[in-house]
Amino acid sequence: MHPTALILFTILAQASPSVGESQEKAQAKSLLGQGTKLYEQDDFAGALEKFQAAYAVFSSPKLMFNIGEANRKLHRPVEALEAFERFLAGVADAPPEKVADVRTAMAQLRKQLGQIRIDCTTSGTEVSVDGRRVGLTPLPDLVWAVPGHHQVAAKHAGVAPAIEEVDVKAGSVSDVTMRLAATVAAAPVLAPAAPSALDLRANQASSGGDEGWWLGRKWAWVAGGATVLLAVGAITAGLSLQSKFDSLHNSCGSASQSTVACSRSDIDSVTTLKNTTNIFWGFAGAAAVTTGVLFFVEGRPVAVAPLAGQATGFLASVRY
């Protein structure tokens, strides 16, 4: 079947526009001639582009024949079938032999395709198949599709869009139902009212965060109490050490002042008290440092952001 014989005969029979012929029709003829040359050179994609441009300038249904033939050569059966259908519906004076050729081509195309029956619960919904718009619901006809997996989308103003998947087989009809759910309008966001002084005091009394330096720091106060107890223990041990040392000093004195030497057990007891005092002061100092750290950190949000690698802890920064 020669792709452009009918169109060239009916539209391009005259080499130049006749008197009164529109400029759009003349431009369409020029584009059609360019597309014909490209088609004869087997540049079907370029020919299709020219044919579609011609139709955009001058919307003659006769151009659908050329568009259908170019799509058929490009192995786009759905587009070719749709173009041929529009050609037959819009060209009533087509020669019988050309009509027969087109119907034969359409029959061959239908054997390669399947159909989708699309039902929708909302009328006036825009439906598309694989991103290609096919019309508004209720769709009057089944939708032709190549065999395989397809995505059907439906959208309508005021409702959430719906997407369904469907598998199509050649020579069969696949059913899909699009159910649209009403979109719940979002409640307006109101600016919060400024809290009163009474509200602030109530929040500070009930929350465990940063509202008030004495609130929300349980472990800091535990560490502070431990610091005080350890300091008291250190002071008590120190006083005992001083008392024991003074007692030994008065009873046995130094080697230069008295011939009576202190016993080893007495000396060991003083040494033990000294070590105990130092241990208490050491723990008290550590508890004091812990108290300071907890007082600063406790009750504040902690953010740990990795600086290197995917796992926190390899190299990370910690912010309060």
C-alpha atoms as a PDB file:
ATOM      1  CA  MET A   1       0.000   0.000   0.000  1.00  0.00           C
ATOM      2  CA  HIS A   2       1.558   3.286  -1.078  1.00  0.00           C
ATOM      3  CA  PRO A   3       1.451   5.594   1.923  1.00  0.00           C
ATOM      4  CA  THR A   4       0.789   8.968   0.333  1.00  0.00           C
ATOM      5  CA  ALA A   5      -0.981   8.392  -2.974  1.00  0.00           C
ATOM      6  CA  LEU A   6      -4.396   9.344  -1.602  1.00  0.00           C
ATOM      7  CA  ILE A   7      -3.176  12.432   0.215  1.00  0.00           C
ATOM      8  CA  LEU A   8      -1.079  13.693  -2.672  1.00  0.00           C
ATOM      9  CA  PHE A   9      -3.993  13.193  -5.049  1.00  0.00           C
ATOM     10  CA  THR A  10      -6.557  14.987  -2.928  1.00  0.00           C
ATOM     11  CA  ILE A  11      -4.493  17.787  -1.446  1.00  0.00           C
ATOM     12  CA  LEU A  12      -1.382  18.250  -3.529  1.00  0.00           C
ATOM     13  CA  ALA A  13      -2.879  17.817  -6.977  1.00  0.00           C
ATOM     14  CA  GLN A  14      -2.134  21.461  -7.696  1.00  0.00           C
ATOM     15  CA  ALA A  15       1.489  22.559  -7.668  1.00  0.00           C
ATOM     16  CA  SER A  16       0.643  25.976  -6.269  1.00  0.00           C
ATOM     17  CA  PRO A  17      -2.254  27.289  -4.193  1.00  0.00           C
ATOM     18  CA  SER A  18      -5.325  28.393  -6.082  1.00  0.00           C
ATOM     19  CA  VAL A  19      -6.940  31.761  -5.677  1.00  0.00           C
ATOM     20  CA  GLY A  20      -8.501  32.057  -2.268  1.00  0.00           C
ATOM     21  CA  GLU A  21      -6.670  29.025  -0.873  1.00  0.00           C
ATOM     22  CA  SER A  22      -5.677  29.610   2.730  1.00  0.00           C
ATOM     23  CA  GLN A  23      -2.110  30.145   3.785  1.00  0.00           C
ATOM     24  CA  GLU A  24      -2.483  27.317   6.315  1.00  0.00           C
ATOM     25  CA  LYS A  25      -3.431  24.849   3.617  1.00  0.00           C
ATOM     26  CA  ALA A  26      -0.480  25.910   1.498  1.00  0.00           C
ATOM     27  CA  GLN A  27       1.868  25.424   4.460  1.00  0.00           C
ATOM     28  CA  ALA A  28       0.356  21.998   5.145  1.00  0.00           C
ATOM     29  CA  LYS A  29       0.970  21.010   1.521  1.00  0.00           C
ATOM     30  CA  SER A  30       4.602  22.024   1.822  1.00  0.00           C
ATOM     31  CA  LEU A  31       5.076  20.025   5.018  1.00  0.00           C
ATOM     32  CA  LEU A  32       3.274  17.044   3.494  1.00  0.00           C
ATOM     33  CA  GLY A  33       5.571  17.105   0.494  1.00  0.00           C
ATOM     34  CA  GLN A  34       8.630  17.158   2.752  1.00  0.00           C
ATOM     35  CA  GLY A  35       7.261  14.272   4.777  1.00  0.00           C
ATOM     36  CA  THR A  36       6.586  12.270   1.632  1.00  0.00           C
ATOM     37  CA  LYS A  37      10.186  12.593   0.489  1.00  0.00           C
ATOM     38  CA  LEU A  38      11.437  11.493   3.914  1.00  0.00           C
ATOM     39  CA  TYR A  39       9.071   8.516   3.888  1.00  0.00           C
ATOM     40  CA  GLU A  40      10.337   7.409   0.482  1.00  0.00           C
ATOM     41  CA  GLN A  41      13.869   7.587   1.938  1.00  0.00           C
ATOM     42  CA  ASP A  42      12.772   5.272   4.766  1.00  0.00           C
ATOM     43  CA  ASP A  43      13.130   8.076   7.298  1.00  0.00           C
ATOM     44  CA  PHE A  44       9.814   7.234   8.934  1.00  0.00           C
ATOM     45  CA  ALA A  45      10.426   9.200  12.131  1.00  0.00           C
ATOM     46  CA  GLY A  46      11.224  12.351  10.166  1.00  0.00           C
ATOM     47  CA  ALA A  47       8.219  11.765   7.897  1.00  0.00           C
ATOM     48  CA  LEU A  48       5.907  11.345  10.911  1.00  0.00           C
ATOM     49  CA  GLU A  49       7.133  14.626  12.353  1.00  0.00           C
ATOM     50  CA  LYS A  50       6.330  16.458   9.087  1.00  0.00           C
ATOM     51  CA  PHE A  51       2.904  14.796   8.752  1.00  0.00           C
ATOM     52  CA  GLN A  52       1.976  15.739  12.311  1.00  0.00           C
ATOM     53  CA  ALA A  53       3.191  19.299  11.729  1.00  0.00           C
ATOM     54  CA  ALA A  54       1.027  19.486   8.618  1.00  0.00           C
ATOM     55  CA  TYR A  55      -2.005  18.293  10.587  1.00  0.00           C
ATOM     56  CA  ALA A  56      -1.297  20.865  13.304  1.00  0.00           C
ATOM     57  CA  VAL A  57      -1.366  23.611  10.658  1.00  0.00           C
ATOM     58  CA  PHE A  58      -4.341  22.304   8.661  1.00  0.00           C
ATOM     59  CA  SER A  59      -6.427  19.678  10.479  1.00  0.00           C
ATOM     60  CA  SER A  60      -7.610  17.582   7.541  1.00  0.00           C
ATOM     61  CA  PRO A  61      -8.623  14.005   8.523  1.00  0.00           C
ATOM     62  CA  LYS A  62      -7.053  12.869   5.243  1.00  0.00           C
ATOM     63  CA  LEU A  63      -3.644  13.464   6.824  1.00  0.00           C
ATOM     64  CA  MET A  64      -4.427  10.704   9.335  1.00  0.00           C
ATOM     65  CA  PHE A  65      -3.702   8.163   6.595  1.00  0.00           C
ATOM     66  CA  ASN A  66      -0.085   9.325   6.293  1.00  0.00           C
ATOM     67  CA  ILE A  67       0.278   9.559  10.065  1.00  0.00           C
ATOM     68  CA  GLY A  68      -1.067   6.024  10.455  1.00  0.00           C
ATOM     69  CA  GLU A  69       1.293   4.622   7.820  1.00  0.00           C
ATOM     70  CA  ALA A  70       4.344   6.296   9.409  1.00  0.00           C
ATOM     71  CA  ASN A  71       3.401   4.945  12.847  1.00  0.00           C
ATOM     72  CA  ARG A  72       2.909   1.470  11.395  1.00  0.00           C
ATOM     73  CA  LYS A  73       6.415   1.567   9.916  1.00  0.00           C
ATOM     74  CA  LEU A  74       7.767   2.689  13.291  1.00  0.00           C
ATOM     75  CA  HIS A  75       6.111  -0.345  14.987  1.00  0.00           C
ATOM     76  CA  ARG A  76       3.673   1.801  16.950  1.00  0.00           C
ATOM     77  CA  PRO A  77       0.498  -0.223  16.416  1.00  0.00           C
ATOM     78  CA  VAL A  78      -1.725   1.657  18.880  1.00  0.00           C
ATOM     79  CA  GLU A  79      -0.974   5.049  17.321  1.00  0.00           C
ATOM     80  CA  ALA A  80      -1.294   3.646  13.807  1.00  0.00           C
ATOM     81  CA  LEU A  81      -4.673   2.053  14.551  1.00  0.00           C
ATOM     82  CA  GLU A  82      -6.029   5.252  16.102  1.00  0.00           C
ATOM     83  CA  ALA A  83      -4.908   7.292  13.078  1.00  0.00           C
ATOM     84  CA  PHE A  84      -6.542   4.879  10.622  1.00  0.00           C
ATOM     85  CA  GLU A  85      -9.782   4.942  12.631  1.00  0.00           C
ATOM     86  CA  ARG A  86      -9.833   8.743  12.479  1.00  0.00           C
ATOM     87  CA  PHE A  87      -9.127   8.596   8.761  1.00  0.00           C
ATOM     88  CA  LEU A  88     -12.103   6.324   8.062  1.00  0.00           C
ATOM     89  CA  ALA A  89     -14.381   8.345  10.348  1.00  0.00           C
ATOM     90  CA  GLY A  90     -13.436  11.695   8.796  1.00  0.00           C
ATOM     91  CA  VAL A  91     -12.977  10.960   5.088  1.00  0.00           C
ATOM     92  CA  ALA A  92     -16.284   9.992   3.539  1.00  0.00           C
ATOM     93  CA  ASP A  93     -15.125  10.328  -0.094  1.00  0.00           C
ATOM     94  CA  ALA A  94     -12.095   8.026   0.127  1.00  0.00           C
ATOM     95  CA  PRO A  95     -11.763   5.637  -2.862  1.00  0.00           C
ATOM     96  CA  PRO A  96     -13.132   2.142  -2.085  1.00  0.00           C
ATOM     97  CA  GLU A  97      -9.799   0.449  -2.799  1.00  0.00           C
ATOM     98  CA  LYS A  98      -8.044   2.770  -0.337  1.00  0.00           C
ATOM     99  CA  VAL A  99     -10.675   2.093   2.310  1.00  0.00           C
ATOM    100  CA  ALA A 100     -10.194  -1.647   1.785  1.00  0.00           C
ATOM    101  CA  ASP A 101      -6.422  -1.293   2.195  1.00  0.00           C
ATOM    102  CA  VAL A 102      -6.877   0.654   5.420  1.00  0.00           C
ATOM    103  CA  ARG A 103      -9.307  -1.890   6.860  1.00  0.00           C
ATOM    104  CA  THR A 104      -6.891  -4.709   6.048  1.00  0.00           C
ATOM    105  CA  ALA A 105      -4.074  -2.858   7.813  1.00  0.00           C
ATOM    106  CA  MET A 106      -6.303  -2.229  10.837  1.00  0.00           C
ATOM    107  CA  ALA A 107      -7.225  -5.918  11.060  1.00  0.00           C
ATOM    108  CA  GLN A 108      -3.549  -6.847  11.115  1.00  0.00           C
ATOM    109  CA  LEU A 109      -2.852  -4.259  13.816  1.00  0.00           C
ATOM    110  CA  ARG A 110      -5.699  -5.475  16.042  1.00  0.00           C
ATOM    111  CA  LYS A 111      -4.231  -8.984  16.060  1.00  0.00           C
ATOM    112  CA  GLN A 112      -1.088  -7.561  17.675  1.00  0.00           C
ATOM    113  CA  LEU A 113      -2.962  -5.713  20.425  1.00  0.00           C
ATOM    114  CA  GLY A 114      -5.108  -6.240  23.495  1.00  0.00           C
ATOM    115  CA  GLN A 115      -7.722  -3.982  25.049  1.00  0.00           C
ATOM    116  CA  ILE A 116      -8.333  -2.416  28.449  1.00  0.00           C
ATOM    117  CA  ARG A 117     -11.825  -1.799  29.794  1.00  0.00           C
ATOM    118  CA  ILE A 118     -11.508   1.116  32.232  1.00  0.00           C
ATOM    119  CA  ASP A 119     -14.330   1.798  34.701  1.00  0.00           C
ATOM    120  CA  CYS A 120     -14.283   4.726  37.096  1.00  0.00           C
ATOM    121  CA  THR A 121     -16.509   5.604  40.028  1.00  0.00           C
ATOM    122  CA  THR A 122     -16.269   9.336  39.244  1.00  0.00           C
ATOM    123  CA  SER A 123     -17.492  10.807  35.968  1.00  0.00           C
ATOM    124  CA  GLY A 124     -15.397  13.399  34.166  1.00  0.00           C
ATOM    125  CA  THR A 125     -12.143  11.881  35.392  1.00  0.00           C
ATOM    126  CA  GLU A 126      -9.117  12.224  33.128  1.00  0.00           C
ATOM    127  CA  VAL A 127      -7.604   8.829  32.373  1.00  0.00           C
ATOM    128  CA  SER A 128      -4.159   8.057  30.983  1.00  0.00           C
ATOM    129  CA  VAL A 129      -2.374   4.830  30.119  1.00  0.00           C
ATOM    130  CA  ASP A 130       1.396   4.878  30.587  1.00  0.00           C
ATOM    131  CA  GLY A 131       1.225   8.673  30.667  1.00  0.00           C
ATOM    132  CA  ARG A 132      -0.776   8.945  27.401  1.00  0.00           C
ATOM    133  CA  ARG A 133      -4.153  10.603  27.823  1.00  0.00           C
ATOM    134  CA  VAL A 134      -7.034   8.440  26.571  1.00  0.00           C
ATOM    135  CA  GLY A 135     -10.040  10.578  27.523  1.00  0.00           C
ATOM    136  CA  LEU A 136     -12.569  11.425  30.225  1.00  0.00           C
ATOM    137  CA  THR A 137     -14.797   8.956  32.016  1.00  0.00           C
ATOM    138  CA  PRO A 138     -17.059   7.324  31.172  1.00  0.00           C
ATOM    139  CA  LEU A 139     -14.887   6.174  28.272  1.00  0.00           C
ATOM    140  CA  PRO A 140     -17.047   5.269  25.268  1.00  0.00           C
ATOM    141  CA  ASP A 141     -14.675   2.615  23.914  1.00  0.00           C
ATOM    142  CA  LEU A 142     -12.116   0.126  25.101  1.00  0.00           C
ATOM    143  CA  VAL A 143      -8.486   1.284  25.069  1.00  0.00           C
ATOM    144  CA  TRP A 144      -6.075  -0.478  22.733  1.00  0.00           C
ATOM    145  CA  ALA A 145      -2.690  -1.433  24.215  1.00  0.00           C
ATOM    146  CA  VAL A 146       0.312  -3.526  23.267  1.00  0.00           C
ATOM    147  CA  PRO A 147       0.725  -6.784  25.213  1.00  0.00           C
ATOM    148  CA  GLY A 148       2.538  -6.361  28.509  1.00  0.00           C
ATOM    149  CA  HIS A 149       2.348  -4.495  31.814  1.00  0.00           C
ATOM    150  CA  HIS A 150       0.683  -1.071  31.851  1.00  0.00           C
ATOM    151  CA  GLN A 151      -0.087   1.641  34.373  1.00  0.00           C
ATOM    152  CA  VAL A 152      -3.498   3.303  34.342  1.00  0.00           C
ATOM    153  CA  ALA A 153      -3.835   6.671  36.105  1.00  0.00           C
ATOM    154  CA  ALA A 154      -6.956   8.698  36.874  1.00  0.00           C
ATOM    155  CA  LYS A 155      -7.153  12.232  38.217  1.00  0.00           C
ATOM    156  CA  HIS A 156     -10.000  14.574  38.979  1.00  0.00           C
ATOM    157  CA  ALA A 157     -10.191  17.963  40.658  1.00  0.00           C
ATOM    158  CA  GLY A 158     -10.951  17.727  44.357  1.00  0.00           C
ATOM    159  CA  VAL A 159     -10.079  14.062  44.783  1.00  0.00           C
ATOM    160  CA  ALA A 160      -6.856  12.146  45.236  1.00  0.00           C
ATOM    161  CA  PRO A 161      -5.508  10.555  42.016  1.00  0.00           C
ATOM    162  CA  ALA A 162      -5.662   6.785  41.567  1.00  0.00           C
ATOM    163  CA  ILE A 163      -3.148   4.460  39.898  1.00  0.00           C
ATOM    164  CA  GLU A 164      -3.741   0.832  38.949  1.00  0.00           C
ATOM    165  CA  GLU A 165      -1.552  -1.787  37.255  1.00  0.00           C
ATOM    166  CA  VAL A 166      -2.891  -4.051  34.514  1.00  0.00           C
ATOM    167  CA  ASP A 167      -1.472  -6.831  32.333  1.00  0.00           C
ATOM    168  CA  VAL A 168      -2.614  -6.957  28.713  1.00  0.00           C
ATOM    169  CA  LYS A 169      -2.563  -9.982  26.405  1.00  0.00           C
ATOM    170  CA  ALA A 170      -2.977  -9.924  22.637  1.00  0.00           C
ATOM    171  CA  GLY A 171      -6.537 -10.599  21.520  1.00  0.00           C
ATOM    172  CA  SER A 172      -8.037 -10.289  25.026  1.00  0.00           C
ATOM    173  CA  VAL A 173      -9.716  -7.628  27.172  1.00  0.00           C
ATOM    174  CA  SER A 174      -8.339  -6.674  30.614  1.00  0.00           C
ATOM    175  CA  ASP A 175     -10.584  -4.924  33.164  1.00  0.00           C
ATOM    176  CA  VAL A 176      -9.469  -2.246  35.589  1.00  0.00           C
ATOM    177  CA  THR A 177     -11.562  -0.140  37.980  1.00  0.00           C
ATOM    178  CA  MET A 178     -10.369   3.270  39.144  1.00  0.00           C
ATOM    179  CA  ARG A 179     -11.669   4.286  42.576  1.00  0.00           C
ATOM    180  CA  LEU A 180     -11.062   7.877  43.570  1.00  0.00           C
ATOM    181  CA  ALA A 181     -11.144   8.863  47.236  1.00  0.00           C
ATOM    182  CA  ALA A 182     -12.181  12.343  48.292  1.00  0.00           C
ATOM    183  CA  THR A 183      -9.317  14.493  49.476  1.00  0.00           C
ATOM    184  CA  VAL A 184      -9.645  15.670  53.056  1.00  0.00           C
ATOM    185  CA  ALA A 185      -9.073  19.406  53.221  1.00  0.00           C
ATOM    186  CA  ALA A 186      -6.229  20.314  55.494  1.00  0.00           C
ATOM    187  CA  ALA A 187      -7.201  22.324  58.545  1.00  0.00           C
ATOM    188  CA  PRO A 188      -5.775  25.858  58.565  1.00  0.00           C
ATOM    189  CA  VAL A 189      -2.683  26.262  60.668  1.00  0.00           C
ATOM    190  CA  LEU A 190      -3.221  28.947  63.294  1.00  0.00           C
ATOM    191  CA  ALA A 191      -0.380  30.817  64.899  1.00  0.00           C
ATOM    192  CA  PRO A 192      -0.080  29.862  68.585  1.00  0.00           C
ATOM    193  CA  ALA A 193      -1.095  32.522  71.061  1.00  0.00           C
ATOM    194  CA  ALA A 194       1.642  34.075  73.162  1.00  0.00           C
ATOM    195  CA  PRO A 195       1.809  32.305  76.555  1.00  0.00           C
ATOM    196  CA  SER A 196       1.036  34.296  79.653  1.00  0.00           C
ATOM    197  CA  ALA A 197       3.347  34.584  82.631  1.00  0.00           C
ATOM    198  CA  LEU A 198       1.109  32.172  84.544  1.00  0.00           C
ATOM    199  CA  ASP A 199       1.361  29.632  81.698  1.00  0.00           C
ATOM    200  CA  LEU A 200       5.151  29.919  81.688  1.00  0.00           C
ATOM    201  CA  ARG A 201       5.325  29.295  85.415  1.00  0.00           C
ATOM    202  CA  ALA A 202       2.996  26.298  85.088  1.00  0.00           C
ATOM    203  CA  ASN A 203       5.090  24.870  82.252  1.00  0.00           C
ATOM    204  CA  GLN A 204       8.262  25.312  84.231  1.00  0.00           C
ATOM    205  CA  ALA A 205       6.731  23.534  87.216  1.00  0.00           C
ATOM    206  CA  SER A 206       5.430  20.569  85.186  1.00  0.00           C
ATOM    207  CA  SER A 207       8.079  19.966  82.495  1.00  0.00           C
ATOM    208  CA  GLY A 208      11.407  18.173  82.800  1.00  0.00           C
ATOM    209  CA  GLY A 209      13.265  20.113  80.087  1.00  0.00           C
ATOM    210  CA  ASP A 210      15.284  23.319  80.213  1.00  0.00           C
ATOM    211  CA  GLU A 211      12.568  25.490  81.818  1.00  0.00           C
ATOM    212  CA  GLY A 212      14.339  26.453  85.052  1.00  0.00           C
ATOM    213  CA  TRP A 213      17.883  25.617  86.024  1.00  0.00           C
ATOM    214  CA  TRP A 214      16.820  23.450  88.987  1.00  0.00           C
ATOM    215  CA  LEU A 215      14.302  21.280  87.045  1.00  0.00           C
ATOM    216  CA  GLY A 216      14.797  18.211  84.876  1.00  0.00           C
ATOM    217  CA  ARG A 217      18.280  17.361  86.188  1.00  0.00           C
ATOM    218  CA  LYS A 218      17.690  14.324  88.397  1.00  0.00           C
ATOM    219  CA  TRP A 219      21.045  12.670  87.762  1.00  0.00           C
ATOM    220  CA  ALA A 220      22.882  15.953  88.166  1.00  0.00           C
ATOM    221  CA  TRP A 221      21.430  16.295  91.636  1.00  0.00           C
ATOM    222  CA  VAL A 222      22.283  12.654  92.407  1.00  0.00           C
ATOM    223  CA  ALA A 223      25.880  13.314  91.384  1.00  0.00           C
ATOM    224  CA  GLY A 224      25.858  16.522  93.428  1.00  0.00           C
ATOM    225  CA  GLY A 225      24.631  14.654  96.494  1.00  0.00           C
ATOM    226  CA  ALA A 226      27.352  12.051  96.003  1.00  0.00           C
ATOM    227  CA  THR A 227      29.900  14.856  95.793  1.00  0.00           C
ATOM    228  CA  VAL A 228      28.721  16.253  99.119  1.00  0.00           C
ATOM    229  CA  LEU A 229      28.762  12.827 100.828  1.00  0.00           C
ATOM    230  CA  LEU A 230      32.247  12.038  99.527  1.00  0.00           C
ATOM    231  CA  ALA A 231      33.492  15.446 100.592  1.00  0.00           C
ATOM    232  CA  VAL A 232      32.048  14.891 104.072  1.00  0.00           C
ATOM    233  CA  GLY A 233      33.734  11.491 104.171  1.00  0.00           C
ATOM    234  CA  ALA A 234      37.030  13.057 103.081  1.00  0.00           C
ATOM    235  CA  ILE A 235      36.743  15.750 105.752  1.00  0.00           C
ATOM    236  CA  THR A 236      35.867  13.165 108.413  1.00  0.00           C
ATOM    237  CA  ALA A 237      38.801  10.977 107.428  1.00  0.00           C
ATOM    238  CA  GLY A 238      41.055  14.033 107.396  1.00  0.00           C
ATOM    239  CA  LEU A 239      39.975  15.040 110.893  1.00  0.00           C
ATOM    240  CA  SER A 240      40.580  11.497 112.146  1.00  0.00           C
ATOM    241  CA  LEU A 241      43.996  11.553 110.469  1.00  0.00           C
ATOM    242  CA  GLN A 242      44.852  14.862 112.129  1.00  0.00           C
ATOM    243  CA  SER A 243      43.646  13.614 115.530  1.00  0.00           C
ATOM    244  CA  LYS A 244      45.606  10.353 115.229  1.00  0.00           C
ATOM    245  CA  PHE A 245      48.726  12.198 114.081  1.00  0.00           C
ATOM    246  CA  ASP A 246      48.514  14.676 116.980  1.00  0.00           C
ATOM    247  CA  SER A 247      48.023  11.805 119.467  1.00  0.00           C
ATOM    248  CA  LEU A 248      51.084   9.939 118.176  1.00  0.00           C
ATOM    249  CA  HIS A 249      53.100  13.111 118.065  1.00  0.00           C
ATOM    250  CA  ASN A 250      52.287  13.848 121.707  1.00  0.00           C
ATOM    251  CA  SER A 251      52.895  10.272 122.903  1.00  0.00           C
ATOM    252  CA  CYS A 252      56.065   9.331 121.052  1.00  0.00           C
ATOM    253  CA  GLY A 253      57.158  12.516 119.298  1.00  0.00           C
ATOM    254  CA  SER A 254      59.999  12.561 116.826  1.00  0.00           C
ATOM    255  CA  ALA A 255      63.230  10.630 117.096  1.00  0.00           C
ATOM    256  CA  SER A 256      65.156  13.783 118.017  1.00  0.00           C
ATOM    257  CA  GLN A 257      62.837  14.673 120.904  1.00  0.00           C
ATOM    258  CA  SER A 258      62.162  11.266 122.509  1.00  0.00           C
ATOM    259  CA  THR A 259      63.760   7.902 122.889  1.00  0.00           C
ATOM    260  CA  VAL A 260      60.309   6.245 122.794  1.00  0.00           C
ATOM    261  CA  ALA A 261      59.599   5.097 119.235  1.00  0.00           C
ATOM    262  CA  CYS A 262      56.119   4.808 117.812  1.00  0.00           C
ATOM    263  CA  SER A 263      54.938   1.260 117.084  1.00  0.00           C
ATOM    264  CA  ARG A 264      54.564   0.033 113.528  1.00  0.00           C
ATOM    265  CA  SER A 265      50.798  -0.478 113.958  1.00  0.00           C
ATOM    266  CA  ASP A 266      50.398   3.161 115.023  1.00  0.00           C
ATOM    267  CA  ILE A 267      52.289   4.369 111.978  1.00  0.00           C
ATOM    268  CA  ASP A 268      50.283   2.070 109.676  1.00  0.00           C
ATOM    269  CA  SER A 269      47.020   3.410 111.075  1.00  0.00           C
ATOM    270  CA  VAL A 270      48.081   6.979 110.228  1.00  0.00           C
ATOM    271  CA  THR A 271      49.111   5.893 106.736  1.00  0.00           C
ATOM    272  CA  THR A 272      45.776   4.151 106.208  1.00  0.00           C
ATOM    273  CA  LEU A 273      43.865   7.246 107.290  1.00  0.00           C
ATOM    274  CA  LYS A 274      45.973   9.354 104.939  1.00  0.00           C
ATOM    275  CA  ASN A 275      45.241   7.039 101.975  1.00  0.00           C
ATOM    276  CA  THR A 276      41.554   6.916 102.865  1.00  0.00           C
ATOM    277  CA  THR A 277      41.382  10.699 102.972  1.00  0.00           C
ATOM    278  CA  ASN A 278      43.075  10.993  99.579  1.00  0.00           C
ATOM    279  CA  ILE A 279      40.701   8.389  98.062  1.00  0.00           C
ATOM    280  CA  PHE A 280      37.660  10.243  99.382  1.00  0.00           C
ATOM    281  CA  TRP A 281      38.926  13.554  97.980  1.00  0.00           C
ATOM    282  CA  GLY A 282      39.647  11.891  94.639  1.00  0.00           C
ATOM    283  CA  PHE A 283      36.142  10.471  94.336  1.00  0.00           C
ATOM    284  CA  ALA A 284      34.647  13.751  95.538  1.00  0.00           C
ATOM    285  CA  GLY A 285      36.534  15.598  92.792  1.00  0.00           C
ATOM    286  CA  ALA A 286      35.356  13.143  90.135  1.00  0.00           C
ATOM    287  CA  ALA A 287      31.774  13.442  91.391  1.00  0.00           C
ATOM    288  CA  ALA A 288      32.021  17.222  91.260  1.00  0.00           C
ATOM    289  CA  VAL A 289      33.157  17.114  87.641  1.00  0.00           C
ATOM    290  CA  THR A 290      30.350  14.669  86.786  1.00  0.00           C
ATOM    291  CA  THR A 291      27.866  16.990  88.477  1.00  0.00           C
ATOM    292  CA  GLY A 292      29.008  19.892  86.336  1.00  0.00           C
ATOM    293  CA  VAL A 293      28.778  17.900  83.098  1.00  0.00           C
ATOM    294  CA  LEU A 294      25.339  16.477  83.905  1.00  0.00           C
ATOM    295  CA  PHE A 295      24.046  19.884  84.959  1.00  0.00           C
ATOM    296  CA  PHE A 296      25.027  21.272  81.548  1.00  0.00           C
ATOM    297  CA  VAL A 297      23.912  18.316  79.415  1.00  0.00           C
ATOM    298  CA  GLU A 298      20.910  16.755  81.169  1.00  0.00           C
ATOM    299  CA  GLY A 299      17.521  17.847  79.863  1.00  0.00           C
ATOM    300  CA  ARG A 300      18.840  19.156  76.533  1.00  0.00           C
ATOM    301  CA  PRO A 301      18.340  17.445  73.124  1.00  0.00           C
ATOM    302  CA  VAL A 302      21.458  15.727  71.849  1.00  0.00           C
ATOM    303  CA  ALA A 303      22.151  15.501  68.098  1.00  0.00           C
ATOM    304  CA  VAL A 304      24.810  13.125  66.810  1.00  0.00           C
ATOM    305  CA  ALA A 305      25.760  13.718  63.166  1.00  0.00           C
ATOM    306  CA  PRO A 306      28.236  11.446  61.331  1.00  0.00           C
ATOM    307  CA  LEU A 307      31.113  13.317  59.704  1.00  0.00           C
ATOM    308  CA  ALA A 308      32.671  10.354  57.923  1.00  0.00           C
ATOM    309  CA  GLY A 309      31.344   7.005  56.848  1.00  0.00           C
ATOM    310  CA  GLN A 310      27.766   5.844  57.125  1.00  0.00           C
ATOM    311  CA  ALA A 311      27.775   4.721  60.767  1.00  0.00           C
ATOM    312  CA  THR A 312      27.708   7.108  63.697  1.00  0.00           C
ATOM    313  CA  GLY A 313      30.668   6.518  65.923  1.00  0.00           C
ATOM    314  CA  PHE A 314      33.355   6.201  63.252  1.00  0.00           C
ATOM    315  CA  LEU A 315      33.777   9.963  63.201  1.00  0.00           C
ATOM    316  CA  ALA A 316      30.919  12.096  64.438  1.00  0.00           C
ATOM    317  CA  SER A 317      30.050  15.427  65.972  1.00  0.00           C
ATOM    318  CA  VAL A 318      27.820  15.793  69.010  1.00  0.00           C
ATOM    319  CA  ARG A 319      25.787  18.995  69.581  1.00  0.00           C
ATOM    320  CA  TYR A 320      23.587  20.047  72.473  1.00  0.00           C
END
